[in-house]
Amino acid sequence: MKALEIRPRVQECLDEFIQEQRPLLNKVSASLDPLADFAHEFLSGGKRLRAAFCYWGYIGAGGKDSNELICASTALELLQACALVHDDVMDASDTRRGKPSIHKRFETMHQESKWLGDKKQFGGGGAILLGDLLLSWADEMLMNSGLPAHDLFRGKKIYDLMRTELMAGQYLDIFEQARGGGSIENALNVIRYKSAKYTIERPLHLGGVLATDNKQILQTYTDYGLPLGEAFQLRDDVLGVFGDPSETGKPAGDDLREGKRTVLIEMTYQKANDAQKSELNKHFGKDLDDQGVATLREVVTATGALSEVETMISNLLNQSQQALTEANVTAQAKEAFSELALAATSRRV
C-alpha cells in the first residue's frame, strides 16, 4: 500500500464524525448549523500528512492496520484544522487553499445577513470558537477511537505534549514577527516547535507509543522525523515567498506582506548589503503590490539566502534519509516513510 492511500479512509472518518456532531449542535440551536458546515468544508481534502505519519508510526512499530487506528490518526487532522483556522485569524489571511478563510466566511455571513456590530470582530470571534471546537473534537476522536485504553493512555501523554509545543510555537511565531525578529537561531526554534515537531516527529511518536511501550522507537522516529519536519517547514517558507498562488492557495508573496520572520527572511537580512536592507525595510511587512513582491524576491535571491535555504533543505532531507536507512522499523513502514519524505519536501515553486 502506498503511504498516502489512507486518505480516503481519513476523509470518511472525518465525514462520519461531523455528521455525528450535527444533531448534538442542533440540540443547542439550529443557528449552529454553519459551524458544522464550515468545519465539514474545511476538512475536505488536504495532504493528510499528520494522519499518515501517525498511521505509519504505528505500523512501523509493529502495529496492525485497523479502522480504530485510522480514527486515532485522523484526530490529528482535527488538531491541524484548529491550528490553521486560528493561524489565519492571527495572520489576517483572507484565503486558505484558494478559498476564503474561515473568519472571512463568518464575515460574509454577517454582512449578507445585515447583522449588528462589526463584521470583522464577528468573523474573528466565530473562527476562534470554531477552532476551539475542532480542538475539542480532536481530543474526543482520539480518546473514542476504539484502540485499547492502556494504549490510549500512553498516547495521550505524547498528544498533550504535542499540543503544548504547537501553541508555544504559534506564540513564538507572532512574538518574533512583532519584535522584528533578529536571529536565524530564533527563527529555527519557531519552525521546530510550530511545525517540525507537530507535523512529523510527534505524530510518529504518537503512532509508535499507541503500538508499543518500547521507548526506543521514540528516538528512532526523532532521528528520522525532526530533520524532515524542519525541511518541510523550510520548503513551506520558500513557497510563502516564491510560491505559485494556483499551487499554494495563497496570494503571491503572502509571507512578505505579513512580515513573517522566517529562516529565509532572517538569512536575507543577515546577508543583505545596505542597499538591499533599504529595500527590505521599505517593503517587508507592507501592503505590497506585485512589483513590491517582485522587488523583495529579487533581494532574497540576490543575497544568496534562497540558495542557502535550499541547501539546508537538501542536507536535512539527507540526514532524515540516513536515519531511515538505519531505522529498526517494519519494511512496509520504511518504504512508506521514504514516500512521505518526498511528499513533504518536493513541493516546488
Protein backbone atom coordinates (compact mmCIF):
# COMPACT_ATOMS: atom_id res chain seq x y z
CA MET A 1 0.00 0.00 0.00
CA LYS A 2 1.24 3.49 -0.89
CA ALA A 3 1.90 5.85 2.00
CA LEU A 4 -0.95 8.25 1.28
CA GLU A 5 -3.55 5.68 0.22
CA ILE A 6 -5.15 6.06 3.63
CA ARG A 7 -6.50 9.50 2.66
CA PRO A 8 -9.98 8.28 1.55
CA ARG A 9 -10.35 6.42 4.85
CA VAL A 10 -9.30 9.53 6.76
CA GLN A 11 -11.86 11.60 4.86
CA GLU A 12 -14.58 9.03 5.52
CA CYS A 13 -13.75 9.11 9.23
CA LEU A 14 -13.97 12.91 9.28
CA ASP A 15 -17.24 12.95 7.33
CA GLU A 16 -18.84 10.45 9.70
CA PHE A 17 -17.63 12.32 12.76
CA ILE A 18 -19.05 15.67 11.61
CA GLN A 19 -22.36 14.00 10.80
CA GLU A 20 -22.45 12.59 14.33
CA GLN A 21 -21.84 16.06 15.76
CA ARG A 22 -24.59 17.81 13.78
CA PRO A 23 -27.56 16.59 15.88
CA LEU A 24 -25.66 17.43 19.07
CA LEU A 25 -25.15 21.00 17.85
CA ASN A 26 -28.77 21.21 16.69
CA LYS A 27 -29.96 20.28 20.16
CA VAL A 28 -28.35 23.51 21.31
CA SER A 29 -29.59 25.63 18.41
CA ALA A 30 -30.23 25.45 14.68
CA SER A 31 -28.08 28.59 14.49
CA LEU A 32 -25.04 26.33 14.94
CA ASP A 33 -25.51 24.71 11.51
CA PRO A 34 -22.86 26.99 9.92
CA LEU A 35 -20.24 25.69 12.35
CA ALA A 36 -20.79 22.13 11.16
CA ASP A 37 -20.97 23.26 7.53
CA PHE A 38 -17.78 25.32 7.69
CA ALA A 39 -15.96 22.56 9.57
CA HIS A 40 -17.00 19.93 7.04
CA GLU A 41 -15.94 22.04 4.08
CA PHE A 42 -12.66 22.99 5.71
CA LEU A 43 -11.88 19.34 6.49
CA SER A 44 -12.49 18.20 2.92
CA GLY A 45 -9.23 17.46 1.12
CA GLY A 46 -5.67 18.17 2.14
CA LYS A 47 -2.41 16.25 2.22
CA ARG A 48 -3.23 14.36 5.47
CA LEU A 49 0.46 14.20 6.35
CA ARG A 50 -0.06 14.19 10.12
CA ALA A 51 -2.55 11.35 9.97
CA ALA A 52 -0.24 9.46 7.63
CA PHE A 53 2.82 9.85 9.86
CA CYS A 54 0.81 8.70 12.89
CA TYR A 55 -0.60 5.72 10.99
CA TRP A 56 2.77 4.60 9.66
CA GLY A 57 4.42 5.28 13.00
CA TYR A 58 2.04 2.68 14.40
CA ILE A 59 2.71 0.21 11.57
CA GLY A 60 6.46 0.81 11.81
CA ALA A 61 6.39 -0.13 15.49
CA GLY A 62 4.76 -3.45 14.67
CA GLY A 63 1.08 -2.48 14.90
CA LYS A 64 -1.59 -3.73 12.52
CA ASP A 65 -3.98 -1.80 10.30
CA SER A 66 -7.49 -1.21 11.66
CA ASN A 67 -10.33 1.25 11.45
CA GLU A 68 -9.59 2.16 15.06
CA LEU A 69 -6.05 3.15 14.05
CA ILE A 70 -7.41 5.28 11.19
CA CYS A 71 -9.75 7.02 13.62
CA ALA A 72 -6.95 7.75 16.12
CA SER A 73 -4.69 9.07 13.34
CA THR A 74 -7.50 11.18 11.89
CA ALA A 75 -7.80 13.06 15.18
CA LEU A 76 -4.61 14.89 14.19
CA GLU A 77 -6.41 16.33 11.15
CA LEU A 78 -8.90 18.00 13.51
CA LEU A 79 -5.99 19.38 15.52
CA GLN A 80 -4.39 20.63 12.29
CA ALA A 81 -7.66 22.27 11.24
CA CYS A 82 -7.82 24.08 14.58
CA ALA A 83 -4.28 25.38 14.09
CA LEU A 84 -4.98 26.57 10.55
CA VAL A 85 -8.22 28.35 11.44
CA HIS A 86 -6.51 30.18 14.31
CA ASP A 87 -3.40 30.85 12.21
CA ASP A 88 -5.46 32.61 9.54
CA VAL A 89 -7.04 34.84 12.19
CA MET A 90 -3.64 35.75 13.66
CA ASP A 91 -2.15 36.42 10.22
CA ALA A 92 -5.28 38.15 8.87
CA SER A 93 -5.09 35.79 5.88
CA ASP A 94 -8.08 36.07 3.60
CA THR A 95 -7.61 32.74 1.83
CA ARG A 96 -6.76 29.14 2.62
CA ARG A 97 -6.30 26.54 -0.13
CA GLY A 98 -7.59 29.03 -2.66
CA LYS A 99 -10.87 29.60 -0.81
CA PRO A 100 -11.99 32.22 1.73
CA SER A 101 -10.55 31.50 5.17
CA ILE A 102 -12.96 30.67 7.97
CA HIS A 103 -13.02 34.14 9.53
CA LYS A 104 -13.82 35.58 6.09
CA ARG A 105 -16.69 33.09 5.77
CA PHE A 106 -18.11 34.33 9.06
CA GLU A 107 -17.61 37.94 7.96
CA THR A 108 -19.55 37.29 4.76
CA MET A 109 -22.36 35.61 6.70
CA HIS A 110 -22.56 38.66 8.99
CA GLN A 111 -22.58 41.10 6.08
CA GLU A 112 -25.14 39.22 3.98
CA SER A 113 -27.44 38.82 6.99
CA LYS A 114 -27.17 42.56 7.77
CA TRP A 115 -26.46 41.85 11.42
CA LEU A 116 -25.45 44.42 14.01
CA GLY A 117 -21.88 45.24 15.00
CA ASP A 118 -18.56 44.92 13.24
CA LYS A 119 -18.32 42.08 10.73
CA LYS A 120 -14.57 41.64 11.26
CA GLN A 121 -14.99 41.25 15.01
CA PHE A 122 -17.75 38.69 14.44
CA GLY A 123 -15.65 36.88 11.84
CA GLY A 124 -12.63 36.63 14.09
CA GLY A 125 -14.70 35.55 17.08
CA GLY A 126 -16.57 32.92 15.09
CA ALA A 127 -13.33 31.49 13.69
CA ILE A 128 -11.66 31.33 17.10
CA LEU A 129 -14.63 29.47 18.54
CA LEU A 130 -14.80 27.06 15.63
CA GLY A 131 -11.08 26.43 16.04
CA ASP A 132 -11.65 25.71 19.73
CA LEU A 133 -14.45 23.31 18.82
CA LEU A 134 -12.15 21.49 16.38
CA LEU A 135 -9.55 21.20 19.14
CA SER A 136 -12.14 19.69 21.46
CA TRP A 137 -13.29 17.31 18.75
CA ALA A 138 -9.70 16.17 18.15
CA ASP A 139 -9.48 15.00 21.77
CA GLU A 140 -12.86 13.31 21.50
CA MET A 141 -11.97 11.45 18.31
CA LEU A 142 -8.66 10.22 19.68
CA MET A 143 -9.97 9.03 23.02
CA ASN A 144 -13.05 7.40 21.46
CA SER A 145 -11.14 5.82 18.57
CA GLY A 146 -11.64 2.31 19.92
CA LEU A 147 -7.98 1.48 20.49
CA PRO A 148 -7.24 -0.24 23.85
CA ALA A 149 -7.49 2.11 26.82
CA HIS A 150 -3.97 1.38 28.07
CA ASP A 151 -2.52 2.22 24.62
CA LEU A 152 -4.51 5.46 24.53
CA PHE A 153 -3.22 6.35 27.98
CA ARG A 154 0.35 6.11 26.72
CA GLY A 155 -0.53 8.04 23.58
CA LYS A 156 -2.31 10.82 25.43
CA LYS A 157 0.95 11.90 27.04
CA ILE A 158 2.52 12.44 23.62
CA TYR A 159 -0.63 14.10 22.31
CA ASP A 160 -0.73 16.55 25.24
CA LEU A 161 2.94 17.42 24.74
CA MET A 162 2.36 17.96 21.02
CA ARG A 163 -0.47 20.43 21.67
CA THR A 164 1.61 22.38 24.18
CA GLU A 165 4.55 22.59 21.76
CA LEU A 166 2.26 23.69 18.94
CA MET A 167 0.71 26.54 20.91
CA ALA A 168 4.14 27.59 22.20
CA GLY A 169 5.49 27.62 18.65
CA GLN A 170 2.50 29.63 17.41
CA TYR A 171 3.13 32.25 20.08
CA LEU A 172 6.84 32.41 19.27
CA ASP A 173 5.88 32.99 15.63
CA ILE A 174 3.81 36.11 16.35
CA PHE A 175 6.32 37.19 19.03
CA GLU A 176 9.23 37.18 16.59
CA GLN A 177 7.12 38.97 14.00
CA ALA A 178 6.09 41.66 16.48
CA ARG A 179 9.59 42.40 17.69
CA GLY A 180 11.11 42.31 14.22
CA GLY A 181 12.98 39.04 14.54
CA GLY A 182 16.69 39.23 14.97
CA SER A 183 18.36 35.87 14.52
CA ILE A 184 18.36 32.73 12.42
CA GLU A 185 18.57 30.70 15.63
CA ASN A 186 15.26 32.12 16.88
CA ALA A 187 13.62 31.51 13.51
CA LEU A 188 14.81 27.90 13.55
CA ASN A 189 13.35 27.47 17.04
CA VAL A 190 10.00 28.73 15.78
CA ILE A 191 9.85 26.26 12.90
CA ARG A 192 10.92 23.41 15.17
CA TYR A 193 8.04 23.92 17.59
CA LYS A 194 5.39 25.48 15.37
CA SER A 195 5.74 22.94 12.60
CA ALA A 196 8.56 20.38 12.55
CA LYS A 197 7.70 18.51 15.72
CA TYR A 198 3.97 18.86 15.32
CA THR A 199 3.87 17.85 11.65
CA ILE A 200 6.13 14.81 11.67
CA GLU A 201 8.04 13.90 14.84
CA ARG A 202 5.14 13.93 17.32
CA PRO A 203 2.65 12.18 15.01
CA LEU A 204 5.28 9.47 14.55
CA HIS A 205 5.76 9.30 18.32
CA LEU A 206 2.02 9.09 18.86
CA GLY A 207 1.66 6.22 16.42
CA GLY A 208 4.66 4.49 17.92
CA VAL A 209 3.52 4.60 21.54
CA LEU A 210 -0.02 3.60 20.59
CA ALA A 211 1.51 0.40 19.20
CA THR A 212 4.18 -0.42 21.77
CA ASP A 213 5.58 0.52 25.17
CA ASN A 214 9.14 0.17 23.79
CA LYS A 215 10.50 3.70 24.18
CA GLN A 216 13.41 3.07 21.80
CA ILE A 217 11.03 3.73 18.92
CA LEU A 218 10.79 7.38 20.01
CA GLN A 219 14.48 8.05 19.33
CA THR A 220 14.26 6.25 16.01
CA TYR A 221 11.37 8.44 14.96
CA THR A 222 13.09 11.60 16.19
CA ASP A 223 16.21 10.85 14.15
CA TYR A 224 14.10 10.47 11.02
CA GLY A 225 11.23 12.85 11.72
CA LEU A 226 12.76 16.00 13.22
CA PRO A 227 15.13 16.90 10.36
CA LEU A 228 12.38 16.00 7.90
CA GLY A 229 9.94 18.27 9.74
CA GLU A 230 12.40 21.15 9.61
CA ALA A 231 12.96 20.57 5.90
CA PHE A 232 9.17 20.54 5.41
CA GLN A 233 8.75 23.94 7.08
CA LEU A 234 11.73 25.46 5.26
CA ARG A 235 10.10 24.38 2.00
CA ASP A 236 6.86 25.96 3.17
CA ASP A 237 8.71 29.20 3.93
CA VAL A 238 10.21 29.25 0.44
CA LEU A 239 6.73 28.75 -1.02
CA GLY A 240 5.46 31.61 1.17
CA VAL A 241 7.73 33.94 -0.81
CA PHE A 242 8.06 32.32 -4.24
CA GLY A 243 5.05 30.01 -4.45
CA ASP A 244 2.53 30.00 -7.29
CA PRO A 245 -0.90 31.00 -5.91
CA SER A 246 -2.55 28.31 -8.03
CA GLU A 247 -0.48 25.75 -6.15
CA THR A 248 -0.33 27.26 -2.65
CA GLY A 249 -3.88 28.63 -2.44
CA LYS A 250 -2.43 31.87 -1.05
CA PRO A 251 -1.72 35.23 -2.74
CA ALA A 252 1.78 35.57 -4.20
CA GLY A 253 4.31 36.68 -1.58
CA ASP A 254 1.84 36.45 1.30
CA ASP A 255 4.57 35.88 3.90
CA LEU A 256 6.27 39.08 2.72
CA ARG A 257 3.12 41.12 3.32
CA GLU A 258 2.61 39.58 6.74
CA GLY A 259 6.20 40.27 7.80
CA LYS A 260 6.92 36.63 8.65
CA ARG A 261 10.38 36.35 10.27
CA THR A 262 11.22 33.01 8.70
CA VAL A 263 14.67 31.49 8.38
CA LEU A 264 14.68 32.62 4.75
CA ILE A 265 14.00 36.23 5.72
CA GLU A 266 16.41 36.27 8.66
CA MET A 267 19.11 34.90 6.39
CA THR A 268 18.28 37.56 3.79
CA TYR A 269 18.67 40.34 6.36
CA GLN A 270 21.94 38.84 7.57
CA LYS A 271 23.41 38.69 4.07
CA ALA A 272 21.97 41.91 2.66
CA ASN A 273 24.12 44.95 1.86
CA ASP A 274 22.99 48.45 2.77
CA ALA A 275 21.04 48.99 -0.44
CA GLN A 276 19.29 45.63 -0.10
CA LYS A 277 18.44 46.29 3.55
CA SER A 278 16.90 49.58 2.48
CA GLU A 279 14.62 47.73 0.07
CA LEU A 280 13.75 45.19 2.75
CA ASN A 281 12.87 47.90 5.26
CA LYS A 282 10.84 49.76 2.66
CA HIS A 283 8.70 46.83 1.52
CA PHE A 284 8.78 43.95 4.01
CA GLY A 285 5.64 43.65 6.13
CA LYS A 286 3.80 46.22 3.99
CA ASP A 287 0.71 46.01 1.79
CA LEU A 288 2.65 45.04 -1.32
CA ASP A 289 1.61 45.15 -4.95
CA ASP A 290 3.07 42.72 -7.49
CA GLN A 291 6.07 44.97 -8.10
CA GLY A 292 6.84 45.13 -4.40
CA VAL A 293 6.71 41.34 -4.17
CA ALA A 294 9.00 41.07 -7.20
CA THR A 295 11.48 43.52 -5.65
CA LEU A 296 11.72 41.55 -2.41
CA ARG A 297 12.03 38.28 -4.28
CA GLU A 298 14.97 39.73 -6.18
CA VAL A 299 16.63 40.75 -2.91
CA VAL A 300 16.10 37.31 -1.34
CA THR A 301 17.61 35.65 -4.41
CA ALA A 302 20.48 38.12 -4.89
CA THR A 303 21.70 37.78 -1.30
CA GLY A 304 22.08 34.03 -1.75
CA ALA A 305 19.58 33.33 1.03
CA LEU A 306 17.32 31.27 -1.22
CA SER A 307 20.21 29.12 -2.38
CA GLU A 308 21.39 28.58 1.19
CA VAL A 309 17.94 27.55 2.41
CA GLU A 310 17.64 25.11 -0.49
CA THR A 311 20.96 23.61 0.62
CA MET A 312 19.65 23.37 4.19
CA ILE A 313 16.57 21.52 2.92
CA SER A 314 18.74 19.05 0.99
CA ASN A 315 21.05 18.45 3.95
CA LEU A 316 18.15 17.90 6.35
CA LEU A 317 16.48 15.52 3.92
CA ASN A 318 19.72 13.56 3.57
CA GLN A 319 20.03 13.39 7.36
CA SER A 320 16.49 12.08 7.61
CA GLN A 321 17.04 9.50 4.86
CA GLN A 322 20.23 8.26 6.52
CA ALA A 323 18.34 7.77 9.79
CA LEU A 324 15.64 5.90 7.89
CA THR A 325 18.23 3.56 6.39
CA GLU A 326 19.37 2.63 9.89
CA ALA A 327 15.90 2.56 11.46
CA ASN A 328 14.62 -0.64 13.05
CA VAL A 329 11.06 -0.46 11.70
CA THR A 330 8.96 -2.75 9.53
CA ALA A 331 9.89 -2.91 5.86
CA GLN A 332 6.44 -1.75 4.82
CA ALA A 333 6.71 1.34 7.02
CA LYS A 334 10.25 2.10 5.84
CA GLU A 335 9.01 2.27 2.25
CA ALA A 336 6.10 4.48 3.32
CA PHE A 337 8.41 6.82 5.26
CA SER A 338 10.53 7.27 2.14
CA GLU A 339 7.42 8.21 0.13
CA LEU A 340 6.23 10.61 2.84
CA ALA A 341 9.62 12.34 2.96
CA LEU A 342 9.32 13.05 -0.76
CA ALA A 343 5.74 14.28 -0.39
CA ALA A 344 6.73 16.63 2.43
CA THR A 345 9.71 18.28 0.76
CA SER A 346 9.38 18.01 -3.01
CA ARG A 347 6.80 20.79 -3.42
CA ARG A 348 8.29 23.26 -5.84
CA VAL A 349 7.86 26.96 -6.53
